[in-house]
Amino acid sequence: MSPKRQVVIMTAVFAVVGISVSVGIIAAGGGFSGPGPSFLNPPTEEDIWEVGTNIQDGTALEYSLIAIGPSSELDAAQVSMTFKDAGDNWNVEFAVTNGTGQAIERTIKMSKQLTREGELDDSFRPYLEPIQSSILAVRDMDYSGRPKYLVVGAPWNTISVGSSSVTVSITGEETVQTPAGTFDAFVLSYELGDRTSRIWVTKDMPLPVKAEVYDAEDNLQYRYELVSASGVPSSSSSSGDTTSNL
């Protein structure tokens, strides 16, 4: 059976029954390979990934970003986010330098799930909105309220395209290189047109480490990768990088 068909079948089963049962059914049919979850080793709460996990006071993440949207464009931008503890929320210090040389800094209050709290300075809106629809977009993924399992075949989101829909699922595991280092990652992928959109997620990082996403006309929507990180676990990275501190 081809890997793509395995994912299609597993996604359908996830949608109908609980994840533990579905994993057993697919494993029995040969839908798993390697040392991951199987009929006798179903995924557990430890396989759940939640946006913002492992952020602590002082965590800093920097990304390179291209984000194309209706209201603004960030081209060859550098985006840094530094998280300061604010009780039930974070005070997130954003520093954005666009490829045009424009630079702006703002502190935004965000929840632990990285949703914005309170008012937004209109002058920062053209910068924050492309960040929310790219680097932070994974927070808004939802598949009928189910957890986001780091398991090959697990569905994370549904995208409506006309009268049909496309499921965003974990389709594999691979080693991905970024300026911040080399990571062992799970790959979220889907196709709206001819191009495949991919988002790379690692177990210990609070946000994806890399993404390349296209619309139904195969136009690039956004592309980003992690440039540096501090104040987060270093176990996500498998070779020399700037992810440290810890």
C-alpha atoms as a PDB file:
ATOM      1  CA  MET A   1       0.000   0.000   0.000  1.00  0.00           C
ATOM      2  CA  SER A   2       1.394   3.442  -0.873  1.00  0.00           C
ATOM      3  CA  PRO A   3       2.219   5.888   1.970  1.00  0.00           C
ATOM      4  CA  LYS A   4      -0.329   8.382   0.630  1.00  0.00           C
ATOM      5  CA  ARG A   5      -3.107   5.797   0.654  1.00  0.00           C
ATOM      6  CA  GLN A   6      -2.106   4.760   4.181  1.00  0.00           C
ATOM      7  CA  VAL A   7      -2.576   8.354   5.322  1.00  0.00           C
ATOM      8  CA  VAL A   8      -5.951   8.670   3.576  1.00  0.00           C
ATOM      9  CA  ILE A   9      -7.228   5.481   5.186  1.00  0.00           C
ATOM     10  CA  MET A  10      -5.891   6.367   8.614  1.00  0.00           C
ATOM     11  CA  THR A  11      -7.368   9.866   8.483  1.00  0.00           C
ATOM     12  CA  ALA A  12     -10.794   8.447   7.702  1.00  0.00           C
ATOM     13  CA  VAL A  13     -10.575   6.049  10.621  1.00  0.00           C
ATOM     14  CA  PHE A  14      -9.450   8.785  13.004  1.00  0.00           C
ATOM     15  CA  ALA A  15     -12.561  10.745  12.069  1.00  0.00           C
ATOM     16  CA  VAL A  16     -14.919   7.888  12.899  1.00  0.00           C
ATOM     17  CA  VAL A  17     -13.513   6.277  16.032  1.00  0.00           C
ATOM     18  CA  GLY A  18     -11.249   7.161  18.920  1.00  0.00           C
ATOM     19  CA  ILE A  19      -7.562   7.414  18.261  1.00  0.00           C
ATOM     20  CA  SER A  20      -6.528   4.381  20.294  1.00  0.00           C
ATOM     21  CA  VAL A  21      -8.969   2.125  18.489  1.00  0.00           C
ATOM     22  CA  SER A  22      -8.115   3.566  15.090  1.00  0.00           C
ATOM     23  CA  VAL A  23      -4.403   3.107  15.656  1.00  0.00           C
ATOM     24  CA  GLY A  24      -4.989  -0.543  16.479  1.00  0.00           C
ATOM     25  CA  ILE A  25      -7.063  -1.117  13.361  1.00  0.00           C
ATOM     26  CA  ILE A  26      -4.558   0.515  11.029  1.00  0.00           C
ATOM     27  CA  ALA A  27      -1.594  -1.156  12.692  1.00  0.00           C
ATOM     28  CA  ALA A  28      -3.221  -4.540  12.256  1.00  0.00           C
ATOM     29  CA  GLY A  29      -3.640  -3.769   8.565  1.00  0.00           C
ATOM     30  CA  GLY A  30       0.005  -2.851   8.108  1.00  0.00           C
ATOM     31  CA  GLY A  31      -0.481   0.918   8.214  1.00  0.00           C
ATOM     32  CA  PHE A  32       2.513   1.566  10.461  1.00  0.00           C
ATOM     33  CA  SER A  33       6.211   1.081   9.932  1.00  0.00           C
ATOM     34  CA  GLY A  34       9.176   1.678  12.181  1.00  0.00           C
ATOM     35  CA  PRO A  35       9.252   1.984  15.979  1.00  0.00           C
ATOM     36  CA  GLY A  36       6.300   4.357  16.354  1.00  0.00           C
ATOM     37  CA  PRO A  37       2.744   3.677  17.553  1.00  0.00           C
ATOM     38  CA  SER A  38       1.357   0.252  16.737  1.00  0.00           C
ATOM     39  CA  PHE A  39      -1.438  -2.133  17.662  1.00  0.00           C
ATOM     40  CA  LEU A  40       0.302  -2.964  20.939  1.00  0.00           C
ATOM     41  CA  ASN A  41       1.752   0.523  21.422  1.00  0.00           C
ATOM     42  CA  PRO A  42      -1.028   3.068  20.779  1.00  0.00           C
ATOM     43  CA  PRO A  43      -0.296   6.790  21.125  1.00  0.00           C
ATOM     44  CA  THR A  44      -0.809   8.353  24.532  1.00  0.00           C
ATOM     45  CA  GLU A  45      -1.043  11.817  26.045  1.00  0.00           C
ATOM     46  CA  GLU A  46       2.730  12.056  25.615  1.00  0.00           C
ATOM     47  CA  ASP A  47       2.156  12.119  21.839  1.00  0.00           C
ATOM     48  CA  ILE A  48      -0.063  15.214  22.058  1.00  0.00           C
ATOM     49  CA  TRP A  49       1.431  18.479  20.813  1.00  0.00           C
ATOM     50  CA  GLU A  50       0.055  21.823  21.993  1.00  0.00           C
ATOM     51  CA  VAL A  51       1.040  25.225  20.680  1.00  0.00           C
ATOM     52  CA  GLY A  52       3.057  27.214  23.201  1.00  0.00           C
ATOM     53  CA  THR A  53       4.243  24.198  25.180  1.00  0.00           C
ATOM     54  CA  ASN A  54       7.723  24.653  26.699  1.00  0.00           C
ATOM     55  CA  ILE A  55       7.639  28.437  26.543  1.00  0.00           C
ATOM     56  CA  GLN A  56       9.033  29.910  29.735  1.00  0.00           C
ATOM     57  CA  ASP A  57       9.908  33.357  30.988  1.00  0.00           C
ATOM     58  CA  GLY A  58      12.613  34.679  28.668  1.00  0.00           C
ATOM     59  CA  THR A  59      12.073  32.261  25.777  1.00  0.00           C
ATOM     60  CA  ALA A  60      13.115  33.924  22.519  1.00  0.00           C
ATOM     61  CA  LEU A  61      12.370  32.700  18.984  1.00  0.00           C
ATOM     62  CA  GLU A  62      13.553  34.289  15.754  1.00  0.00           C
ATOM     63  CA  TYR A  63      12.259  33.405  12.290  1.00  0.00           C
ATOM     64  CA  SER A  64      12.885  34.425   8.717  1.00  0.00           C
ATOM     65  CA  LEU A  65       9.512  34.968   7.058  1.00  0.00           C
ATOM     66  CA  ILE A  66       7.864  35.629   3.737  1.00  0.00           C
ATOM     67  CA  ALA A  67       4.113  36.148   4.197  1.00  0.00           C
ATOM     68  CA  ILE A  68       1.818  37.262   1.398  1.00  0.00           C
ATOM     69  CA  GLY A  69      -1.640  38.530   2.323  1.00  0.00           C
ATOM     70  CA  PRO A  70      -4.386  40.892   1.189  1.00  0.00           C
ATOM     71  CA  SER A  71      -3.445  43.762   3.496  1.00  0.00           C
ATOM     72  CA  SER A  72       0.332  43.589   3.586  1.00  0.00           C
ATOM     73  CA  GLU A  73       3.393  41.633   2.626  1.00  0.00           C
ATOM     74  CA  LEU A  74       6.410  40.686   4.674  1.00  0.00           C
ATOM     75  CA  ASP A  75       9.237  39.950   2.277  1.00  0.00           C
ATOM     76  CA  ALA A  76      12.499  38.512   3.599  1.00  0.00           C
ATOM     77  CA  ALA A  77      11.474  39.672   7.066  1.00  0.00           C
ATOM     78  CA  GLN A  78      13.137  38.813  10.355  1.00  0.00           C
ATOM     79  CA  VAL A  79      10.663  38.241  13.178  1.00  0.00           C
ATOM     80  CA  SER A  80      11.699  37.798  16.797  1.00  0.00           C
ATOM     81  CA  MET A  81       9.403  37.028  19.723  1.00  0.00           C
ATOM     82  CA  THR A  82      10.562  37.227  23.334  1.00  0.00           C
ATOM     83  CA  PHE A  83       8.162  35.952  25.981  1.00  0.00           C
ATOM     84  CA  LYS A  84       7.883  37.594  29.392  1.00  0.00           C
ATOM     85  CA  ASP A  85       5.767  36.054  32.123  1.00  0.00           C
ATOM     86  CA  ALA A  86       2.566  37.983  32.848  1.00  0.00           C
ATOM     87  CA  GLY A  87       0.694  35.588  35.116  1.00  0.00           C
ATOM     88  CA  ASP A  88      -2.018  33.900  33.075  1.00  0.00           C
ATOM     89  CA  ASN A  89      -0.666  35.526  29.897  1.00  0.00           C
ATOM     90  CA  TRP A  90       2.569  36.365  28.119  1.00  0.00           C
ATOM     91  CA  ASN A  91       3.880  39.790  27.300  1.00  0.00           C
ATOM     92  CA  VAL A  92       5.400  39.058  23.901  1.00  0.00           C
ATOM     93  CA  GLU A  93       8.026  41.488  22.672  1.00  0.00           C
ATOM     94  CA  PHE A  94       7.888  41.491  18.875  1.00  0.00           C
ATOM     95  CA  ALA A  95      10.689  42.908  16.760  1.00  0.00           C
ATOM     96  CA  VAL A  96      10.064  42.844  13.013  1.00  0.00           C
ATOM     97  CA  THR A  97      12.459  43.976  10.301  1.00  0.00           C
ATOM     98  CA  ASN A  98      11.053  43.805   6.797  1.00  0.00           C
ATOM     99  CA  GLY A  99      13.192  43.175   3.740  1.00  0.00           C
ATOM    100  CA  THR A 100      12.605  46.792   2.759  1.00  0.00           C
ATOM    101  CA  GLY A 101      14.456  47.942   5.853  1.00  0.00           C
ATOM    102  CA  GLN A 102      11.346  48.908   7.799  1.00  0.00           C
ATOM    103  CA  ALA A 103      11.612  47.969  11.470  1.00  0.00           C
ATOM    104  CA  ILE A 104       9.088  48.033  14.280  1.00  0.00           C
ATOM    105  CA  GLU A 105       8.903  46.828  17.873  1.00  0.00           C
ATOM    106  CA  ARG A 106       5.794  46.257  19.954  1.00  0.00           C
ATOM    107  CA  THR A 107       4.816  44.338  23.088  1.00  0.00           C
ATOM    108  CA  ILE A 108       1.571  42.381  22.745  1.00  0.00           C
ATOM    109  CA  LYS A 109      -0.282  40.537  25.504  1.00  0.00           C
ATOM    110  CA  MET A 110      -1.020  36.966  24.432  1.00  0.00           C
ATOM    111  CA  SER A 111      -2.617  33.967  26.119  1.00  0.00           C
ATOM    112  CA  LYS A 112      -0.692  30.803  26.924  1.00  0.00           C
ATOM    113  CA  GLN A 113      -2.192  29.413  23.689  1.00  0.00           C
ATOM    114  CA  LEU A 114      -0.690  32.419  21.857  1.00  0.00           C
ATOM    115  CA  THR A 115      -3.938  34.175  21.001  1.00  0.00           C
ATOM    116  CA  ARG A 116      -3.903  37.950  21.233  1.00  0.00           C
ATOM    117  CA  GLU A 117      -5.453  39.552  24.307  1.00  0.00           C
ATOM    118  CA  GLY A 118      -6.567  43.164  24.469  1.00  0.00           C
ATOM    119  CA  GLU A 119      -6.294  45.951  21.915  1.00  0.00           C
ATOM    120  CA  LEU A 120      -3.905  46.092  18.978  1.00  0.00           C
ATOM    121  CA  ASP A 121      -2.029  49.195  17.915  1.00  0.00           C
ATOM    122  CA  ASP A 122      -3.193  49.888  14.339  1.00  0.00           C
ATOM    123  CA  SER A 123       0.340  50.756  13.272  1.00  0.00           C
ATOM    124  CA  PHE A 124       1.433  47.218  14.157  1.00  0.00           C
ATOM    125  CA  ARG A 125      -1.536  45.468  12.550  1.00  0.00           C
ATOM    126  CA  PRO A 126       0.107  45.117   9.068  1.00  0.00           C
ATOM    127  CA  TYR A 127       3.008  43.322  10.768  1.00  0.00           C
ATOM    128  CA  LEU A 128       1.165  41.168  13.297  1.00  0.00           C
ATOM    129  CA  GLU A 129      -1.573  39.861  11.006  1.00  0.00           C
ATOM    130  CA  PRO A 130       0.854  38.173   8.555  1.00  0.00           C
ATOM    131  CA  ILE A 131       2.662  36.622  11.531  1.00  0.00           C
ATOM    132  CA  GLN A 132      -0.620  35.306  12.943  1.00  0.00           C
ATOM    133  CA  SER A 133      -1.588  33.787   9.585  1.00  0.00           C
ATOM    134  CA  SER A 134       1.803  32.092   9.109  1.00  0.00           C
ATOM    135  CA  ILE A 135       4.067  31.314  12.080  1.00  0.00           C
ATOM    136  CA  LEU A 136       1.125  31.266  14.510  1.00  0.00           C
ATOM    137  CA  ALA A 137      -1.399  29.681  12.120  1.00  0.00           C
ATOM    138  CA  VAL A 138      -0.970  26.192  13.592  1.00  0.00           C
ATOM    139  CA  ARG A 139      -2.694  27.349  16.794  1.00  0.00           C
ATOM    140  CA  ASP A 140      -5.972  27.712  14.862  1.00  0.00           C
ATOM    141  CA  MET A 141      -5.939  24.216  13.388  1.00  0.00           C
ATOM    142  CA  ASP A 142      -8.828  22.070  14.574  1.00  0.00           C
ATOM    143  CA  TYR A 143     -10.149  18.636  13.662  1.00  0.00           C
ATOM    144  CA  SER A 144     -13.477  18.246  15.459  1.00  0.00           C
ATOM    145  CA  GLY A 145     -11.884  19.237  18.748  1.00  0.00           C
ATOM    146  CA  ARG A 146      -9.469  16.307  18.738  1.00  0.00           C
ATOM    147  CA  PRO A 147      -5.956  16.655  20.191  1.00  0.00           C
ATOM    148  CA  LYS A 148      -3.012  17.220  17.874  1.00  0.00           C
ATOM    149  CA  TYR A 149      -1.188  13.879  18.017  1.00  0.00           C
ATOM    150  CA  LEU A 150       2.379  13.549  16.795  1.00  0.00           C
ATOM    151  CA  VAL A 151       1.515  10.300  15.047  1.00  0.00           C
ATOM    152  CA  VAL A 152       1.856   9.593  11.347  1.00  0.00           C
ATOM    153  CA  GLY A 153      -1.647   9.667   9.880  1.00  0.00           C
ATOM    154  CA  ALA A 154      -3.185  11.839  12.624  1.00  0.00           C
ATOM    155  CA  PRO A 155      -5.501  14.567  11.235  1.00  0.00           C
ATOM    156  CA  TRP A 156      -4.970  18.105  12.555  1.00  0.00           C
ATOM    157  CA  ASN A 157      -7.210  20.334  10.471  1.00  0.00           C
ATOM    158  CA  THR A 158      -9.808  20.538   7.719  1.00  0.00           C
ATOM    159  CA  ILE A 159      -9.628  23.170   4.966  1.00  0.00           C
ATOM    160  CA  SER A 160     -12.754  23.882   2.909  1.00  0.00           C
ATOM    161  CA  VAL A 161     -12.156  24.358  -0.812  1.00  0.00           C
ATOM    162  CA  GLY A 162     -15.356  25.134  -2.684  1.00  0.00           C
ATOM    163  CA  SER A 163     -17.794  22.307  -2.031  1.00  0.00           C
ATOM    164  CA  SER A 164     -15.073  19.903  -0.896  1.00  0.00           C
ATOM    165  CA  SER A 165     -12.588  19.754   1.948  1.00  0.00           C
ATOM    166  CA  VAL A 166      -8.955  18.803   2.441  1.00  0.00           C
ATOM    167  CA  THR A 167      -7.548  17.220   5.589  1.00  0.00           C
ATOM    168  CA  VAL A 168      -4.238  18.406   6.991  1.00  0.00           C
ATOM    169  CA  SER A 169      -2.500  15.340   8.435  1.00  0.00           C
ATOM    170  CA  ILE A 170       0.871  14.211   9.656  1.00  0.00           C
ATOM    171  CA  THR A 171       2.235  12.340   6.663  1.00  0.00           C
ATOM    172  CA  GLY A 172       5.690  11.394   7.847  1.00  0.00           C
ATOM    173  CA  GLU A 173       8.790  12.052   9.898  1.00  0.00           C
ATOM    174  CA  GLU A 174      12.019  13.530   8.586  1.00  0.00           C
ATOM    175  CA  THR A 175      15.125  15.428   9.542  1.00  0.00           C
ATOM    176  CA  VAL A 176      14.838  19.089   8.592  1.00  0.00           C
ATOM    177  CA  GLN A 177      17.585  21.679   8.499  1.00  0.00           C
ATOM    178  CA  THR A 178      17.124  25.299   9.567  1.00  0.00           C
ATOM    179  CA  PRO A 179      19.559  28.075  10.488  1.00  0.00           C
ATOM    180  CA  ALA A 180      18.766  27.192  14.125  1.00  0.00           C
ATOM    181  CA  GLY A 181      19.935  23.623  13.658  1.00  0.00           C
ATOM    182  CA  THR A 182      18.862  20.204  12.425  1.00  0.00           C
ATOM    183  CA  PHE A 183      15.608  18.879  13.846  1.00  0.00           C
ATOM    184  CA  ASP A 184      13.845  15.533  13.943  1.00  0.00           C
ATOM    185  CA  ALA A 185      10.368  16.637  12.896  1.00  0.00           C
ATOM    186  CA  PHE A 186       6.886  15.438  12.032  1.00  0.00           C
ATOM    187  CA  VAL A 187       5.576  16.711   8.699  1.00  0.00           C
ATOM    188  CA  LEU A 188       2.088  18.160   8.372  1.00  0.00           C
ATOM    189  CA  SER A 189       1.119  18.263   4.711  1.00  0.00           C
ATOM    190  CA  TYR A 190      -1.789  18.731   2.333  1.00  0.00           C
ATOM    191  CA  GLU A 191      -2.526  19.641  -1.280  1.00  0.00           C
ATOM    192  CA  LEU A 192      -5.001  22.271  -2.468  1.00  0.00           C
ATOM    193  CA  GLY A 193      -3.622  22.417  -6.004  1.00  0.00           C
ATOM    194  CA  ASP A 194      -0.587  20.754  -7.551  1.00  0.00           C
ATOM    195  CA  ARG A 195       1.877  21.906  -4.894  1.00  0.00           C
ATOM    196  CA  THR A 196       2.221  20.250  -1.515  1.00  0.00           C
ATOM    197  CA  SER A 197       2.127  22.470   1.552  1.00  0.00           C
ATOM    198  CA  ARG A 198       4.339  21.322   4.430  1.00  0.00           C
ATOM    199  CA  ILE A 199       4.758  22.366   8.047  1.00  0.00           C
ATOM    200  CA  TRP A 200       7.486  20.812  10.203  1.00  0.00           C
ATOM    201  CA  VAL A 201       6.672  20.328  13.905  1.00  0.00           C
ATOM    202  CA  THR A 202       8.954  18.977  16.620  1.00  0.00           C
ATOM    203  CA  LYS A 203       7.921  17.536  19.957  1.00  0.00           C
ATOM    204  CA  ASP A 204       9.663  20.047  22.209  1.00  0.00           C
ATOM    205  CA  MET A 205       9.398  23.319  20.280  1.00  0.00           C
ATOM    206  CA  PRO A 206       6.426  25.593  21.046  1.00  0.00           C
ATOM    207  CA  LEU A 207       5.895  26.492  17.366  1.00  0.00           C
ATOM    208  CA  PRO A 208       6.781  24.810  14.067  1.00  0.00           C
ATOM    209  CA  VAL A 209      10.397  25.111  12.968  1.00  0.00           C
ATOM    210  CA  LYS A 210       9.711  25.458   9.250  1.00  0.00           C
ATOM    211  CA  ALA A 211       6.841  25.795   6.771  1.00  0.00           C
ATOM    212  CA  GLU A 212       6.087  26.282   3.084  1.00  0.00           C
ATOM    213  CA  VAL A 213       2.403  26.769   2.301  1.00  0.00           C
ATOM    214  CA  TYR A 214       0.543  27.322  -1.001  1.00  0.00           C
ATOM    215  CA  ASP A 215      -3.031  28.231  -1.922  1.00  0.00           C
ATOM    216  CA  ALA A 216      -5.353  26.412  -4.357  1.00  0.00           C
ATOM    217  CA  GLU A 217      -3.777  28.267  -7.300  1.00  0.00           C
ATOM    218  CA  ASP A 218      -0.297  27.106  -6.235  1.00  0.00           C
ATOM    219  CA  ASN A 219       0.703  30.610  -5.151  1.00  0.00           C
ATOM    220  CA  LEU A 220       2.987  30.857  -2.140  1.00  0.00           C
ATOM    221  CA  GLN A 221       1.089  32.006   0.943  1.00  0.00           C
ATOM    222  CA  TYR A 222       3.988  31.931   3.375  1.00  0.00           C
ATOM    223  CA  ARG A 223       7.389  30.437   4.000  1.00  0.00           C
ATOM    224  CA  TYR A 224       9.346  30.579   7.245  1.00  0.00           C
ATOM    225  CA  GLU A 225      12.087  28.833   9.174  1.00  0.00           C
ATOM    226  CA  LEU A 226      13.555  29.100  12.631  1.00  0.00           C
ATOM    227  CA  VAL A 227      16.745  31.151  12.737  1.00  0.00           C
ATOM    228  CA  SER A 228      17.532  30.954  16.454  1.00  0.00           C
ATOM    229  CA  ALA A 229      15.940  29.944  19.735  1.00  0.00           C
ATOM    230  CA  SER A 230      16.754  30.252  23.400  1.00  0.00           C
ATOM    231  CA  GLY A 231      14.949  29.325  26.566  1.00  0.00           C
ATOM    232  CA  VAL A 232      13.465  26.134  25.095  1.00  0.00           C
ATOM    233  CA  PRO A 233      14.522  22.468  25.329  1.00  0.00           C
ATOM    234  CA  SER A 234      17.552  21.627  23.230  1.00  0.00           C
ATOM    235  CA  SER A 235      16.529  17.994  22.742  1.00  0.00           C
ATOM    236  CA  SER A 236      14.527  18.885  19.611  1.00  0.00           C
ATOM    237  CA  SER A 237      17.699  19.653  17.723  1.00  0.00           C
ATOM    238  CA  SER A 238      20.001  16.870  16.637  1.00  0.00           C
ATOM    239  CA  SER A 239      23.096  18.850  15.677  1.00  0.00           C
ATOM    240  CA  GLY A 240      24.938  22.059  16.438  1.00  0.00           C
ATOM    241  CA  ASP A 241      22.651  25.040  16.523  1.00  0.00           C
ATOM    242  CA  THR A 242      21.735  28.141  18.498  1.00  0.00           C
ATOM    243  CA  THR A 243      18.940  26.393  20.407  1.00  0.00           C
ATOM    244  CA  SER A 244      20.273  26.508  23.899  1.00  0.00           C
ATOM    245  CA  ASN A 245      19.957  27.806  27.334  1.00  0.00           C
ATOM    246  CA  LEU A 246      18.551  26.065  28.908  1.00  0.00           C
END
